[in-house]
Amino acid sequence: MTITEHTELVRRFADDFTALQEAVLARMNGICAPETAAALEHASLAGPITVALAHADVLARGAVRRAELSVQPPERLRRLRAHARRVRRARSQAETVYKEQRARRLTGRSRTVDTLELRVARTAFAAAFDEALRQELRDRGLPDGTPQAPERDLAQWAWDRKAAGGELPAPVRELRDCDDDAFVQALLRDAREEENPYLPHDAVAERWSRHARAALAWGRYAIGRAERDALACSLSARRTRLDALDDAYQDTAVLAARSRKALLRATDLHDRMRDCATTGPFAELIAQCRAAALARFADAEPEAWHGVRELTVRHRADCPDQADGCPHCHRTLATVLADALPAGTDEDVDGEHPTVAVPVDEDRYALLADLPDTAVVAVADAAVGDESALCGYGWAAEDGTTGHGDSLASSSGEAEVIGICAAALSLLECHEDAPVVLLCDSIEAVGVVDTALRSADPAAAHRTLLFPESRQLMDRLVRHRHRVQVRWLKGHVGHDLNETADAFARLALRRVTGRILPSTARKEEARILRSLGSDAGPLSVAA
C-alpha cells in the first residue's frame, strides 16, 4: 500500500465515524484488511478509536439486555455476551494505547525544569510559597487580580493572554454563560437531536468535559425507565417497550461517545495550555516570577529555607540523576521535610487539601454513646448496576424493622442517599416522637445528607442528587431535620445490620432488573431475615 493511499484511508477514518467504527470492530474480530489495520495504527486515530469503541460498548450491552428481556435462545444470548465482552476488552485496550501515546508525546516535549530547591519549596511549603508568588505577581501587575491558587492559575493566565483579542461567537458565549442545568440540556440536544459544533471551542471544552458525565447519566436514566416499563409487561406485550429500550440505548451510546470526545478535547486543551506556560516568552516570565517568589519565601521563612537548602545539598551528593537536575526527586524530599514539621503544622502538600482521617477509636464503628435511649438507629445501604440508572436500597433497624426498594440514581453516592432518605422517612412515620439515626458506609452520602439537614436546604445536595426521585426524597427528609441524624459506619466488617441492609439492597437491584423471579425473591427475603435473627441485640453503645 502506498503512503498516499494510507494517508487517504487515515483521513477517511478521521472524517467518517461509521467507517472508523466498522473498521475497528472488524479488526477486533480478526477480519480486517491489512491496509485497514495499518491505517488504524496511525497516531492521529488513537483518540477517535476510543470514541468509536465507547459508542460500540453501549450498543453491545444494549443488545444483550434486549435479548435477556425478550428471552432469546441461549445460543444467541451467548454470542451477544461474548461480543459485548470483546468490545469492552477492545475499548480498554484502546484507552491504554491512547494514554501511552499521550505520555510519549508529553515526554518528548522539551521544557525547562525549575531548580530542585524551588520545586521542593513549592511542594513542601505550598501555602507559604503561594503567598510569596502572589505578592510577586501583585507587584508586577500579573495576572489581573489576585489569584486564589497562582501556581495553577499561571497556565490559565498564559493561555488567556495568548488567546486574547478575539471576540467569541454568540453561541459559544451562550454556552459559557448559561447555568449548569441549561448546559446539560444543551449536551442532551447535542446527542439526541443535532451535533453542536461549538462545544469543542476552547472557551467551553473544559465545561463540556466536566458536565458530559451528567448528560450520560440522563441517558442511563432513560434506559432505567424503559427497562422498568418493559419488565412490567408480559413477554407477549413487551415488543413496543423493548423498542423504546433500544432507542434509549442508542441515545446513550451517542452520549458515551460525545463524553469521550469531550474528554479528549479537554485533554488536548490542557496539553496546549501547559505548552504555552512552559515554552516561549510566557515560560520565561513565569520562571522569573517563581525565582523571585523563592527569594521572597527565603526572606519570610528562613528556617524552612535553611531546611530546603540543607536537604537538597545532601541529596545532590548521592543522586544518580543530578546531571539532569534531579527531575523527579522533589516529592520525596518534600515528604522528608513534611515529616520533620512540628506537630500541629498543617502544610497543604502539593496544593491539595489535607485528607480527613477517621479517628482511631471510630475506625470500626460509629460511636452512639451520646444518643438518648429513645433514639431509633438503623443502617442503610444501596447497590447499583452497570447497565442503567436502576438501583436497589435496603435498611435494617435495631428494633427489628427492615425495608428495601428500588429507584433511579446517577451514581453510587446518589443511590446511598436514596437509601438513607427512604429508611429515615419510614422510621419517622413509625416512631412519631423518637429521634432517628441513620448509619451508612458511604462517606459521600453521609456528608451530602448531613449538609442538607444542617443547612435546612435540599438544594445543598443537588450536586450529588441529579434525578427527581432522590431530590423529592431529600425535600421530604429536610422537613424533619430536627429529628434526624446521619453518621458514618465502616462497611463490611461483619456488623449484622450492615450486612442485612447490603443483602436487601442487592436483592432489590436483582428484582427491579428482572434477574430474579418473584418467588425466588420472596424466599431470598425470608432467608435474609432469618440470618439477621433475634440475637443482634440493641446498639445503644456502638453500631
Protein backbone atom coordinates (compact mmCIF):
# COMPACT_ATOMS: atom_id res chain seq x y z
CA MET A 1 0.00 0.00 0.00
CA THR A 2 1.43 3.41 -0.97
CA ILE A 3 1.92 6.23 1.50
CA THR A 4 -0.69 8.30 -0.37
CA GLU A 5 -3.31 5.55 -0.11
CA HIS A 6 -2.51 5.07 3.57
CA THR A 7 -2.93 8.81 4.20
CA GLU A 8 -6.26 8.87 2.36
CA LEU A 9 -7.56 5.95 4.43
CA VAL A 10 -6.50 7.63 7.69
CA ARG A 11 -8.22 10.82 6.57
CA ARG A 12 -11.38 8.91 5.71
CA PHE A 13 -11.50 7.26 9.13
CA ALA A 14 -10.92 10.63 10.81
CA ASP A 15 -13.88 12.14 8.92
CA ASP A 16 -16.31 9.19 8.82
CA PHE A 17 -17.30 7.87 12.26
CA THR A 18 -19.28 4.92 10.88
CA ALA A 19 -16.40 3.78 8.66
CA LEU A 20 -13.98 4.06 11.60
CA GLN A 21 -16.22 2.04 13.91
CA GLU A 22 -16.75 -0.68 11.31
CA ALA A 23 -13.00 -0.91 10.75
CA VAL A 24 -12.25 -1.06 14.47
CA LEU A 25 -14.81 -3.82 15.06
CA ALA A 26 -13.50 -5.75 12.04
CA ARG A 27 -10.00 -5.57 13.49
CA MET A 28 -11.36 -6.73 16.84
CA ASN A 29 -12.96 -9.76 15.16
CA GLY A 30 -9.85 -10.60 13.12
CA ILE A 31 -11.40 -9.90 9.71
CA CYS A 32 -9.70 -6.58 8.98
CA ALA A 33 -7.86 -5.99 5.71
CA PRO A 34 -4.09 -5.40 6.12
CA GLU A 35 -4.24 -1.87 4.73
CA THR A 36 -7.08 -1.01 7.11
CA ALA A 37 -5.18 -2.43 10.08
CA ALA A 38 -2.13 -0.38 9.11
CA ALA A 39 -4.19 2.81 8.87
CA LEU A 40 -5.75 2.20 12.30
CA GLU A 41 -2.27 2.22 13.83
CA HIS A 42 -1.81 5.88 12.87
CA ALA A 43 -1.23 8.02 15.96
CA SER A 44 -3.89 10.55 14.97
CA LEU A 45 -6.60 7.87 15.26
CA ALA A 46 -5.77 6.72 18.79
CA GLY A 47 -8.27 9.12 20.34
CA PRO A 48 -11.07 8.70 17.77
CA ILE A 49 -10.85 4.90 18.15
CA THR A 50 -11.65 5.23 21.86
CA VAL A 51 -14.70 7.32 20.91
CA ALA A 52 -15.89 4.68 18.43
CA LEU A 53 -15.49 1.90 20.97
CA ALA A 54 -17.27 3.86 23.71
CA HIS A 55 -20.26 4.03 21.35
CA ALA A 56 -19.99 0.35 20.37
CA ASP A 57 -19.68 -0.74 24.00
CA VAL A 58 -23.05 0.73 24.98
CA LEU A 59 -24.75 -0.72 21.90
CA ALA A 60 -23.30 -4.18 22.59
CA ARG A 61 -24.56 -4.14 26.17
CA GLY A 62 -27.95 -2.91 24.93
CA ALA A 63 -28.21 -5.85 22.55
CA VAL A 64 -27.50 -8.23 25.43
CA ARG A 65 -30.13 -6.61 27.62
CA ARG A 66 -32.81 -6.75 24.92
CA ALA A 67 -32.04 -10.41 24.34
CA GLU A 68 -32.33 -11.11 28.07
CA LEU A 69 -35.69 -9.35 28.34
CA SER A 70 -37.14 -10.92 25.20
CA VAL A 71 -35.99 -14.45 26.18
CA GLN A 72 -33.81 -15.15 23.14
CA PRO A 73 -32.40 -18.65 22.53
CA PRO A 74 -29.44 -19.43 24.80
CA GLU A 75 -27.01 -19.72 21.90
CA ARG A 76 -27.84 -16.24 20.59
CA LEU A 77 -27.52 -14.80 24.08
CA ARG A 78 -24.10 -16.42 24.48
CA ARG A 79 -22.92 -14.90 21.19
CA LEU A 80 -24.15 -11.45 22.16
CA ARG A 81 -22.48 -11.64 25.56
CA ALA A 82 -19.21 -12.81 24.01
CA HIS A 83 -19.34 -9.89 21.55
CA ALA A 84 -20.01 -7.43 24.37
CA ARG A 85 -17.01 -8.79 26.30
CA ARG A 86 -14.78 -8.39 23.23
CA VAL A 87 -15.91 -4.82 22.72
CA ARG A 88 -15.34 -3.97 26.37
CA ARG A 89 -11.85 -5.50 26.20
CA ALA A 90 -11.05 -3.66 22.95
CA ARG A 91 -12.25 -0.39 24.48
CA SER A 92 -9.99 -0.85 27.50
CA GLN A 93 -7.02 -1.67 25.27
CA ALA A 94 -7.68 1.34 23.03
CA GLU A 95 -7.80 3.68 26.01
CA THR A 96 -4.49 2.25 27.24
CA VAL A 97 -2.91 2.84 23.81
CA TYR A 98 -4.17 6.43 23.79
CA LYS A 99 -2.75 7.10 27.28
CA GLU A 100 0.61 5.60 26.31
CA GLN A 101 0.80 7.68 23.13
CA ARG A 102 -0.03 10.85 25.03
CA ALA A 103 2.58 10.04 27.67
CA ARG A 104 5.22 9.56 24.97
CA ARG A 105 4.16 12.80 23.30
CA LEU A 106 4.45 14.76 26.54
CA THR A 107 7.76 13.14 27.43
CA GLY A 108 9.21 14.15 24.07
CA ARG A 109 8.44 17.83 24.60
CA SER A 110 11.29 19.96 25.84
CA ARG A 111 10.56 22.06 28.90
CA THR A 112 12.59 24.00 31.41
CA VAL A 113 12.89 22.22 34.75
CA ASP A 114 12.77 24.51 37.79
CA THR A 115 15.65 24.28 40.24
CA LEU A 116 15.40 21.49 42.79
CA GLU A 117 15.25 23.99 45.66
CA LEU A 118 12.31 25.77 44.07
CA ARG A 119 10.40 22.55 43.43
CA VAL A 120 10.97 21.28 46.96
CA ALA A 121 9.88 24.59 48.50
CA ARG A 122 6.77 24.75 46.30
CA THR A 123 5.78 21.22 47.29
CA ALA A 124 6.73 21.10 50.97
CA PHE A 125 5.64 24.64 51.86
CA ALA A 126 2.89 25.24 49.32
CA ALA A 127 0.92 27.81 51.32
CA ALA A 128 3.96 29.96 52.13
CA PHE A 129 5.35 29.76 48.60
CA ASP A 130 1.94 30.58 47.08
CA GLU A 131 1.76 33.70 49.24
CA ALA A 132 5.25 34.75 48.13
CA LEU A 133 4.32 34.18 44.49
CA ARG A 134 1.04 36.04 44.97
CA GLN A 135 2.95 39.06 46.29
CA GLU A 136 5.38 38.90 43.36
CA LEU A 137 2.56 38.74 40.83
CA ARG A 138 0.76 41.60 42.54
CA ASP A 139 3.87 43.78 42.44
CA ARG A 140 4.32 43.05 38.74
CA GLY A 141 0.63 43.54 38.00
CA LEU A 142 0.37 39.92 36.84
CA PRO A 143 -2.06 38.28 36.44
CA ASP A 144 -5.05 40.60 36.67
CA GLY A 145 -6.42 40.46 40.20
CA THR A 146 -5.14 38.20 42.96
CA PRO A 147 -5.46 34.52 42.02
CA GLN A 148 -6.61 32.06 44.65
CA ALA A 149 -4.06 29.45 43.57
CA PRO A 150 -1.37 31.17 41.48
CA GLU A 151 0.57 28.00 40.69
CA ARG A 152 -2.48 26.57 38.94
CA ASP A 153 -3.73 29.89 37.55
CA LEU A 154 -0.48 30.77 35.79
CA ALA A 155 -1.10 28.27 32.99
CA GLN A 156 -4.63 29.61 32.55
CA TRP A 157 -3.34 33.17 32.65
CA ALA A 158 -0.71 32.50 29.99
CA TRP A 159 -3.29 30.82 27.79
CA ASP A 160 -5.79 33.65 28.21
CA ARG A 161 -3.13 36.21 27.34
CA LYS A 162 -2.17 34.27 24.22
CA ALA A 163 -5.79 33.81 23.13
CA ALA A 164 -6.90 37.36 23.97
CA GLY A 165 -8.15 39.70 21.29
CA GLY A 166 -10.74 37.58 19.51
CA GLU A 167 -14.47 38.03 20.03
CA LEU A 168 -16.26 34.80 20.97
CA PRO A 169 -19.08 33.69 18.67
CA ALA A 170 -22.51 34.30 20.21
CA PRO A 171 -23.34 30.55 20.54
CA VAL A 172 -20.08 30.00 22.43
CA ARG A 173 -20.84 32.89 24.80
CA GLU A 174 -24.28 31.40 25.39
CA LEU A 175 -22.78 28.01 26.29
CA ARG A 176 -20.19 29.64 28.51
CA ASP A 177 -22.65 31.84 30.41
CA CYS A 178 -25.71 29.59 30.89
CA ASP A 179 -26.33 27.77 34.19
CA ASP A 180 -25.38 24.12 34.70
CA ASP A 181 -28.86 22.68 34.08
CA ALA A 182 -29.17 24.57 30.80
CA PHE A 183 -25.71 23.39 29.77
CA VAL A 184 -26.59 19.74 30.42
CA GLN A 185 -29.77 20.20 28.37
CA ALA A 186 -27.60 21.52 25.54
CA LEU A 187 -25.47 18.36 25.78
CA LEU A 188 -28.59 16.19 25.58
CA ARG A 189 -29.78 18.06 22.48
CA ASP A 190 -26.28 17.67 21.01
CA ALA A 191 -26.54 13.89 21.35
CA ARG A 192 -30.22 13.32 20.62
CA GLU A 193 -31.05 15.94 18.01
CA GLU A 194 -28.16 17.67 16.27
CA GLU A 195 -24.43 17.84 17.00
CA ASN A 196 -23.39 21.23 18.38
CA PRO A 197 -20.28 22.45 16.53
CA TYR A 198 -19.46 24.99 19.24
CA LEU A 199 -18.89 22.56 22.12
CA PRO A 200 -15.24 21.84 21.15
CA HIS A 201 -14.39 25.57 21.35
CA ASP A 202 -11.58 26.27 23.80
CA ALA A 203 -13.83 28.55 25.84
CA VAL A 204 -16.26 25.74 26.72
CA ALA A 205 -14.33 22.48 26.13
CA GLU A 206 -13.49 22.06 29.82
CA ARG A 207 -17.10 22.68 30.81
CA TRP A 208 -18.24 20.19 28.20
CA SER A 209 -15.96 17.53 29.64
CA ARG A 210 -16.98 18.37 33.21
CA HIS A 211 -20.74 18.03 32.55
CA ALA A 212 -20.65 15.21 30.00
CA ARG A 213 -20.95 12.66 32.80
CA ALA A 214 -24.21 14.26 33.97
CA ALA A 215 -25.60 14.10 30.43
CA LEU A 216 -24.55 10.46 30.18
CA ALA A 217 -26.31 9.77 33.49
CA TRP A 218 -29.55 11.06 31.96
CA GLY A 219 -29.05 8.53 29.18
CA ARG A 220 -28.78 5.77 31.77
CA TYR A 221 -31.87 7.23 33.44
CA ALA A 222 -33.83 6.77 30.19
CA ILE A 223 -32.54 3.20 29.95
CA GLY A 224 -33.63 2.51 33.52
CA ARG A 225 -37.14 3.81 32.96
CA ALA A 226 -37.52 1.89 29.69
CA GLU A 227 -36.19 -1.26 31.31
CA ARG A 228 -38.62 -0.92 34.20
CA ASP A 229 -41.53 -0.42 31.76
CA ALA A 230 -40.54 -3.49 29.78
CA LEU A 231 -40.32 -5.66 32.89
CA ALA A 232 -43.79 -4.53 33.96
CA CYS A 233 -45.30 -6.13 30.83
CA SER A 234 -45.84 -9.75 29.95
CA LEU A 235 -43.48 -11.25 27.38
CA SER A 236 -46.18 -11.14 24.70
CA ALA A 237 -46.72 -7.40 25.19
CA ARG A 238 -43.07 -6.38 25.50
CA ARG A 239 -42.14 -5.66 21.90
CA THR A 240 -43.09 -1.97 21.90
CA ARG A 241 -41.42 -1.41 25.26
CA LEU A 242 -38.25 -3.11 24.03
CA ASP A 243 -38.19 -0.79 21.03
CA ALA A 244 -38.22 2.11 23.49
CA LEU A 245 -35.35 0.44 25.37
CA ASP A 246 -33.41 0.19 22.09
CA ASP A 247 -33.95 3.91 21.49
CA ALA A 248 -32.65 4.69 24.98
CA TYR A 249 -29.51 2.61 24.39
CA GLN A 250 -28.96 4.32 21.02
CA ASP A 251 -29.13 7.75 22.65
CA THR A 252 -26.88 6.67 25.49
CA ALA A 253 -24.32 5.27 23.05
CA VAL A 254 -24.11 8.69 21.40
CA LEU A 255 -23.83 10.34 24.82
CA ALA A 256 -20.99 7.95 25.73
CA ALA A 257 -19.16 8.77 22.51
CA ARG A 258 -19.63 12.50 22.99
CA SER A 259 -18.49 12.23 26.61
CA ARG A 260 -15.30 10.53 25.47
CA LYS A 261 -14.78 13.15 22.75
CA ALA A 262 -15.25 15.90 25.34
CA LEU A 263 -12.54 14.32 27.49
CA LEU A 264 -10.16 14.15 24.53
CA ARG A 265 -10.84 17.76 23.66
CA ALA A 266 -10.28 18.96 27.23
CA THR A 267 -7.08 16.90 27.49
CA ASP A 268 -5.78 18.44 24.27
CA LEU A 269 -6.60 21.90 25.60
CA HIS A 270 -4.72 21.21 28.85
CA ASP A 271 -1.69 20.00 26.88
CA ARG A 272 -1.68 23.16 24.79
CA MET A 273 -2.10 25.31 27.89
CA ARG A 274 0.84 23.53 29.51
CA ASP A 275 2.95 24.12 26.41
CA CYS A 276 2.02 27.79 26.47
CA ALA A 277 3.10 28.13 30.09
CA THR A 278 6.32 26.10 29.79
CA THR A 279 7.77 27.31 26.48
CA GLY A 280 8.45 30.67 24.84
CA PRO A 281 8.11 34.13 26.40
CA PHE A 282 5.41 33.14 28.90
CA ALA A 283 7.63 30.37 30.27
CA GLU A 284 10.46 32.84 30.72
CA LEU A 285 8.22 35.30 32.54
CA ILE A 286 6.75 32.60 34.79
CA ALA A 287 10.26 31.33 35.61
CA GLN A 288 11.29 34.85 36.61
CA CYS A 289 8.23 35.19 38.85
CA ARG A 290 8.89 31.86 40.54
CA ALA A 291 12.57 32.62 41.11
CA ALA A 292 11.67 35.98 42.65
CA ALA A 293 8.97 34.29 44.75
CA LEU A 294 11.58 31.83 46.03
CA ALA A 295 13.72 34.75 47.22
CA ARG A 296 10.68 36.23 48.98
CA PHE A 297 9.98 32.84 50.55
CA ALA A 298 13.57 32.56 51.79
CA ASP A 299 13.33 36.00 53.44
CA ALA A 300 9.92 35.29 55.01
CA GLU A 301 10.64 31.71 56.13
CA PRO A 302 14.39 31.50 56.91
CA GLU A 303 14.14 28.26 58.93
CA ALA A 304 12.14 26.50 56.24
CA TRP A 305 14.51 27.77 53.55
CA HIS A 306 17.51 26.53 55.57
CA GLY A 307 15.88 23.08 55.72
CA VAL A 308 15.28 23.07 51.98
CA ARG A 309 18.86 24.10 51.20
CA GLU A 310 20.45 21.64 53.61
CA LEU A 311 18.35 18.71 52.38
CA THR A 312 18.87 19.41 48.66
CA VAL A 313 22.64 19.81 49.05
CA ARG A 314 22.88 16.44 50.84
CA HIS A 315 20.64 14.84 48.23
CA ARG A 316 22.69 16.03 45.24
CA ALA A 317 25.82 14.41 46.64
CA ASP A 318 24.44 10.92 46.00
CA CYS A 319 21.66 11.36 43.41
CA PRO A 320 22.31 9.49 40.13
CA ASP A 321 20.07 11.98 38.30
CA GLN A 322 21.99 15.04 39.44
CA ALA A 323 23.18 15.80 35.89
CA ASP A 324 19.55 16.08 34.76
CA GLY A 325 18.56 18.35 37.64
CA CYS A 326 17.02 15.62 39.81
CA PRO A 327 13.73 15.92 37.85
CA HIS A 328 11.65 13.50 39.95
CA CYS A 329 13.21 13.84 43.39
CA HIS A 330 11.36 16.85 44.81
CA ARG A 331 8.28 14.95 46.03
CA THR A 332 10.36 12.53 48.09
CA LEU A 333 12.40 15.37 49.57
CA ALA A 334 9.22 17.34 50.33
CA THR A 335 7.85 14.31 52.17
CA VAL A 336 11.02 14.19 54.30
CA LEU A 337 10.54 17.85 55.17
CA ALA A 338 6.85 17.39 55.91
CA ASP A 339 7.62 14.50 58.27
CA ALA A 340 10.06 16.78 60.08
CA LEU A 341 7.47 19.56 60.61
CA PRO A 342 6.44 20.20 64.23
CA ALA A 343 3.18 18.62 65.37
CA GLY A 344 0.15 20.74 64.50
CA THR A 345 1.70 22.25 61.34
CA ASP A 346 -0.85 21.92 58.55
CA GLU A 347 1.05 22.44 55.32
CA ASP A 348 -1.01 21.90 52.18
CA VAL A 349 1.32 19.47 50.42
CA ASP A 350 1.43 19.89 46.63
CA GLY A 351 -1.57 22.19 46.63
CA GLU A 352 -4.04 19.59 47.85
CA HIS A 353 -6.32 19.87 50.86
CA PRO A 354 -5.41 17.64 53.82
CA THR A 355 -7.27 14.36 53.88
CA VAL A 356 -9.87 13.98 56.60
CA ALA A 357 -8.89 10.98 58.70
CA VAL A 358 -11.22 8.82 60.77
CA PRO A 359 -10.20 8.78 64.46
CA VAL A 360 -8.66 5.52 65.58
CA ASP A 361 -11.37 4.82 68.14
CA GLU A 362 -14.03 5.23 65.44
CA ASP A 363 -12.34 3.13 62.81
CA ARG A 364 -14.60 0.13 63.24
CA TYR A 365 -17.91 1.53 64.44
CA ALA A 366 -19.79 4.81 64.59
CA LEU A 367 -19.98 5.64 68.31
CA LEU A 368 -23.52 6.16 69.56
CA ALA A 369 -22.95 6.61 73.29
CA ASP A 370 -24.19 10.21 73.11
CA LEU A 371 -27.67 9.27 71.88
CA PRO A 372 -30.78 9.22 74.09
CA ASP A 373 -32.30 5.84 74.93
CA THR A 374 -35.33 6.68 72.78
CA ALA A 375 -33.27 7.03 69.59
CA VAL A 376 -34.08 4.63 66.75
CA VAL A 377 -30.89 3.50 64.98
CA ALA A 378 -30.76 1.89 61.55
CA VAL A 379 -28.22 1.07 58.86
CA ALA A 380 -28.88 1.86 55.17
CA ASP A 381 -27.08 0.58 52.08
CA ALA A 382 -27.51 0.63 48.30
CA ALA A 383 -26.49 -1.29 45.18
CA VAL A 384 -26.12 -0.01 41.62
CA GLY A 385 -25.78 -1.79 38.29
CA ASP A 386 -23.62 -1.14 35.24
CA GLU A 387 -26.27 -1.07 32.54
CA SER A 388 -28.78 1.57 33.63
CA ALA A 389 -29.60 4.02 36.40
CA LEU A 390 -31.73 1.45 38.24
CA CYS A 391 -30.57 0.92 41.82
CA GLY A 392 -31.66 -1.00 44.89
CA TYR A 393 -31.57 0.05 48.52
CA GLY A 394 -32.12 -1.66 51.84
CA TRP A 395 -32.11 -0.87 55.53
CA ALA A 396 -32.35 -2.60 58.88
CA ALA A 397 -33.11 -1.05 62.27
CA GLU A 398 -32.09 -2.19 65.74
CA ASP A 399 -35.78 -2.56 66.68
CA GLY A 400 -36.07 -5.37 64.12
CA THR A 401 -37.79 -3.45 61.31
CA THR A 402 -36.35 -3.66 57.81
CA GLY A 403 -37.15 -2.38 54.35
CA HIS A 404 -35.94 -2.35 50.78
CA GLY A 405 -36.91 -0.87 47.43
CA ASP A 406 -35.64 0.45 44.13
CA SER A 407 -35.18 3.79 42.42
CA LEU A 408 -33.01 5.55 39.84
CA ALA A 409 -29.59 7.01 40.65
CA SER A 410 -26.82 8.63 38.64
CA SER A 411 -24.08 7.29 40.94
CA SER A 412 -23.46 5.07 43.92
CA GLY A 413 -23.45 8.20 46.10
CA GLU A 414 -26.92 9.18 44.95
CA ALA A 415 -28.17 5.62 45.49
CA GLU A 416 -26.82 5.61 49.05
CA VAL A 417 -28.57 8.92 49.75
CA ILE A 418 -31.82 7.43 48.46
CA GLY A 419 -31.39 4.51 50.87
CA ILE A 420 -30.77 6.87 53.81
CA CYS A 421 -33.77 9.04 52.97
CA ALA A 422 -36.14 6.11 52.39
CA ALA A 423 -35.12 4.43 55.66
CA ALA A 424 -35.34 7.63 57.68
CA LEU A 425 -38.75 8.58 56.32
CA SER A 426 -40.12 5.12 57.03
CA LEU A 427 -38.82 5.14 60.62
CA LEU A 428 -40.05 8.68 61.22
CA GLU A 429 -43.53 7.55 60.28
CA CYS A 430 -43.39 4.51 62.58
CA HIS A 431 -41.86 6.40 65.55
CA GLU A 432 -43.65 9.70 65.82
CA ASP A 433 -41.58 11.33 68.58
CA ALA A 434 -38.27 9.46 68.69
CA PRO A 435 -35.07 10.80 67.10
CA VAL A 436 -33.87 8.73 64.14
CA VAL A 437 -30.19 8.00 63.46
CA LEU A 438 -29.15 6.51 60.11
CA LEU A 439 -25.75 4.89 59.68
CA CYS A 440 -24.21 4.40 56.24
CA ASP A 441 -20.83 3.21 54.99
CA SER A 442 -20.66 5.88 52.25
CA ILE A 443 -18.73 8.94 53.43
CA GLU A 444 -20.02 10.88 50.43
CA ALA A 445 -23.68 10.09 51.16
CA VAL A 446 -23.36 10.88 54.87
CA GLY A 447 -21.74 14.21 54.05
CA VAL A 448 -24.40 15.11 51.48
CA VAL A 449 -27.35 14.34 53.78
CA ASP A 450 -25.72 15.98 56.79
CA THR A 451 -25.06 19.17 54.80
CA ALA A 452 -28.66 19.33 53.59
CA LEU A 453 -30.04 18.74 57.10
CA ARG A 454 -27.76 21.27 58.78
CA SER A 455 -28.44 23.95 56.18
CA ALA A 456 -32.18 23.16 56.01
CA ASP A 457 -31.77 23.38 52.24
CA PRO A 458 -32.36 20.36 49.96
CA ALA A 459 -30.58 22.22 47.16
CA ALA A 460 -27.31 21.81 49.10
CA ALA A 461 -27.38 18.16 47.96
CA HIS A 462 -28.10 18.84 44.29
CA ARG A 463 -24.51 18.36 43.17
CA THR A 464 -24.86 14.66 44.08
CA LEU A 465 -28.62 14.29 43.60
CA LEU A 466 -29.24 14.58 39.88
CA PHE A 467 -32.59 12.84 39.41
CA PRO A 468 -36.07 13.94 40.58
CA GLU A 469 -36.66 10.80 42.65
CA SER A 470 -33.76 11.48 45.02
CA ARG A 471 -34.44 15.22 45.17
CA GLN A 472 -38.06 14.62 46.18
CA LEU A 473 -36.94 12.28 48.96
CA MET A 474 -34.47 14.87 50.22
CA ASP A 475 -37.15 17.58 50.14
CA ARG A 476 -39.32 15.42 52.39
CA LEU A 477 -36.49 14.49 54.76
CA VAL A 478 -35.32 18.06 55.34
CA ARG A 479 -38.74 18.90 56.79
CA HIS A 480 -37.85 16.54 59.68
CA ARG A 481 -34.24 17.72 60.06
CA HIS A 482 -34.55 18.31 63.82
CA ARG A 483 -35.29 14.62 64.41
CA VAL A 484 -32.76 13.04 62.01
CA GLN A 485 -29.02 12.42 62.23
CA VAL A 486 -26.70 10.61 59.83
CA ARG A 487 -23.37 9.07 60.79
CA TRP A 488 -20.68 7.07 59.07
CA LEU A 489 -20.28 3.34 59.67
CA LYS A 490 -17.35 1.36 58.36
CA GLY A 491 -18.81 -1.17 55.94
CA HIS A 492 -18.37 -4.91 55.55
CA VAL A 493 -16.82 -5.57 58.94
CA GLY A 494 -19.35 -8.22 59.91
CA HIS A 495 -21.97 -6.00 61.52
CA ASP A 496 -25.39 -7.71 61.37
CA LEU A 497 -27.47 -4.69 60.43
CA ASN A 498 -24.98 -3.53 57.82
CA GLU A 499 -24.82 -6.97 56.23
CA THR A 500 -28.63 -7.17 56.24
CA ALA A 501 -29.00 -3.76 54.61
CA ASP A 502 -26.44 -4.73 51.97
CA ALA A 503 -28.20 -8.03 51.25
CA PHE A 504 -31.56 -6.28 50.89
CA ALA A 505 -30.07 -3.67 48.55
CA ARG A 506 -28.59 -6.32 46.27
CA LEU A 507 -31.86 -8.26 46.32
CA ALA A 508 -33.82 -5.11 45.39
CA LEU A 509 -31.48 -4.44 42.45
CA ARG A 510 -31.79 -8.01 41.16
CA ARG A 511 -35.57 -7.81 41.47
CA VAL A 512 -36.01 -4.47 39.68
CA THR A 513 -33.74 -5.59 36.82
CA GLY A 514 -35.63 -8.85 36.43
CA ARG A 515 -32.65 -11.02 37.29
CA ILE A 516 -34.54 -12.97 39.94
CA LEU A 517 -38.01 -14.50 39.83
CA PRO A 518 -40.62 -13.06 42.24
CA SER A 519 -40.99 -16.40 44.02
CA THR A 520 -37.23 -16.71 44.41
CA ALA A 521 -37.04 -13.11 45.64
CA ARG A 522 -39.58 -13.88 48.39
CA LYS A 523 -37.54 -16.88 49.52
CA GLU A 524 -34.35 -14.79 49.49
CA GLU A 525 -36.04 -12.10 51.58
CA ALA A 526 -37.10 -14.70 54.15
CA ARG A 527 -33.56 -16.11 54.24
CA ILE A 528 -32.07 -12.65 54.88
CA LEU A 529 -34.47 -12.05 57.75
CA ARG A 530 -33.64 -15.44 59.26
CA SER A 531 -29.92 -14.68 59.02
CA LEU A 532 -30.48 -11.42 60.93
CA GLY A 533 -32.23 -13.38 63.67
CA SER A 534 -33.35 -12.07 67.01
CA ASP A 535 -29.93 -12.04 68.69
CA ALA A 536 -28.46 -8.99 67.01
CA GLY A 537 -29.09 -7.00 70.17
CA PRO A 538 -29.50 -3.27 70.62
CA LEU A 539 -26.84 -0.80 69.52
CA SER A 540 -27.03 1.59 72.44
CA VAL A 541 -23.23 1.95 72.62
CA ALA A 542 -21.89 1.18 69.16
CA ALA A 543 -23.18 0.28 65.76
